[in-house]
Amino acid sequence: MSVAIVGGNECMERRYIDTCRKYGCKARVYVKSRGDMTRRFGSPDLVILFTTTVSHKMKDIAMAEAKRCNAIIECCHSSSMSALQQIMEQHCGVPEV
């Protein structure tokens, strides 16, 4: 399963990727809007929006791209590791060892 994480803390980017890998998922993290995000977004299976740390423009682009590729959209107010782990458990089950 591929995951796109939009928003979050820049210093936590590597930890987000590692946490998704524990659940058997490949993750891309978009903390800042760099270049043409619509072209780089791809077609993930799950889109996680950390709503407190994302701009309105990035949110709108992520929502449009998620609808385009029929991805599951999960919005979360917190951008903490425990919030990410709860979302991953809901959609991917228990983590791999």
Protein backbone atom coordinates (compact mmCIF):
# COMPACT_ATOMS: atom_id res chain seq x y z
CA MET A 1 0.00 0.00 0.00
CA SER A 2 1.31 3.47 -0.81
CA VAL A 3 0.69 6.39 1.53
CA ALA A 4 0.96 10.13 0.96
CA ILE A 5 1.34 12.24 4.09
CA VAL A 6 0.53 15.91 3.60
CA GLY A 7 1.57 18.31 6.33
CA GLY A 8 3.30 17.44 9.57
CA ASN A 9 6.58 18.55 11.08
CA GLU A 10 9.63 18.83 8.88
CA CYS A 11 11.91 17.31 11.52
CA MET A 12 9.62 14.25 11.79
CA GLU A 13 9.66 13.44 8.07
CA ARG A 14 12.08 10.50 8.41
CA ARG A 15 10.12 9.06 11.37
CA TYR A 16 6.87 9.22 9.36
CA ILE A 17 8.48 7.20 6.56
CA ASP A 18 9.97 4.66 8.98
CA THR A 19 6.64 4.20 10.78
CA CYS A 20 4.82 3.54 7.50
CA ARG A 21 7.52 1.06 6.53
CA LYS A 22 6.85 -0.87 9.77
CA TYR A 23 3.29 -1.38 8.56
CA GLY A 24 4.45 -2.60 5.16
CA CYS A 25 3.61 0.63 3.34
CA LYS A 26 5.63 2.91 1.12
CA ALA A 27 5.26 6.56 2.13
CA ARG A 28 5.88 9.95 0.56
CA VAL A 29 5.81 13.00 2.81
CA TYR A 30 4.88 16.48 1.59
CA VAL A 31 5.65 18.91 4.41
CA LYS A 32 6.21 21.94 2.21
CA SER A 33 4.89 22.76 -1.22
CA ARG A 34 7.87 22.36 -3.54
CA GLY A 35 7.35 22.79 -7.25
CA ASP A 36 4.34 21.33 -8.97
CA MET A 37 2.77 19.10 -6.30
CA THR A 38 0.05 17.80 -8.64
CA ARG A 39 2.67 16.32 -10.94
CA ARG A 40 4.70 14.76 -8.10
CA PHE A 41 1.76 13.40 -6.08
CA GLY A 42 1.31 10.12 -7.96
CA SER A 43 -1.57 7.79 -7.10
CA PRO A 44 -1.41 6.68 -3.46
CA ASP A 45 -3.89 4.30 -1.83
CA LEU A 46 -4.15 6.36 1.37
CA VAL A 47 -3.77 10.12 1.86
CA ILE A 48 -3.17 11.38 5.40
CA LEU A 49 -3.73 15.10 6.01
CA PHE A 50 -2.28 16.64 9.15
CA THR A 51 -4.65 19.61 9.13
CA THR A 52 -2.95 21.90 11.67
CA THR A 53 0.35 22.02 9.81
CA VAL A 54 -0.77 22.21 6.18
CA SER A 55 -1.68 25.25 4.09
CA HIS A 56 -5.08 25.59 2.45
CA LYS A 57 -3.51 25.39 -1.00
CA MET A 58 -1.71 22.11 -0.22
CA LYS A 59 -4.88 20.69 1.35
CA ASP A 60 -6.93 21.55 -1.75
CA ILE A 61 -4.35 20.00 -4.07
CA ALA A 62 -4.11 16.83 -1.95
CA MET A 63 -7.89 16.45 -1.78
CA ALA A 64 -8.26 16.89 -5.55
CA GLU A 65 -5.47 14.40 -6.30
CA ALA A 66 -6.88 11.87 -3.78
CA LYS A 67 -10.31 12.06 -5.41
CA ARG A 68 -8.71 11.71 -8.86
CA CYS A 69 -7.04 8.42 -7.95
CA ASN A 70 -9.85 7.15 -5.63
CA ALA A 71 -7.61 7.15 -2.55
CA ILE A 72 -8.80 6.89 1.03
CA ILE A 73 -8.58 10.30 2.73
CA GLU A 74 -7.81 10.45 6.44
CA CYS A 75 -7.75 13.86 8.15
CA CYS A 76 -6.08 14.25 11.52
CA HIS A 77 -5.77 17.37 13.66
CA SER A 78 -2.57 16.20 15.35
CA SER A 79 0.68 15.48 13.52
CA SER A 80 2.14 13.27 16.25
CA MET A 81 3.61 9.78 15.88
CA SER A 82 0.81 8.24 17.94
CA ALA A 83 -1.79 9.78 15.62
CA LEU A 84 0.02 8.34 12.59
CA GLN A 85 0.28 4.92 14.26
CA GLN A 86 -3.47 4.89 15.00
CA ILE A 87 -4.28 5.72 11.39
CA MET A 88 -1.90 3.05 10.11
CA GLU A 89 -3.40 0.42 12.45
CA GLN A 90 -6.89 1.25 11.18
CA HIS A 91 -5.93 0.85 7.52
CA CYS A 92 -3.01 -1.61 7.54
CA GLY A 93 -3.45 -3.77 10.63
CA VAL A 94 -0.68 -4.65 13.07
CA PRO A 95 2.93 -3.64 12.32
CA GLU A 96 5.40 -6.12 10.87
CA VAL A 97 8.31 -7.21 12.99
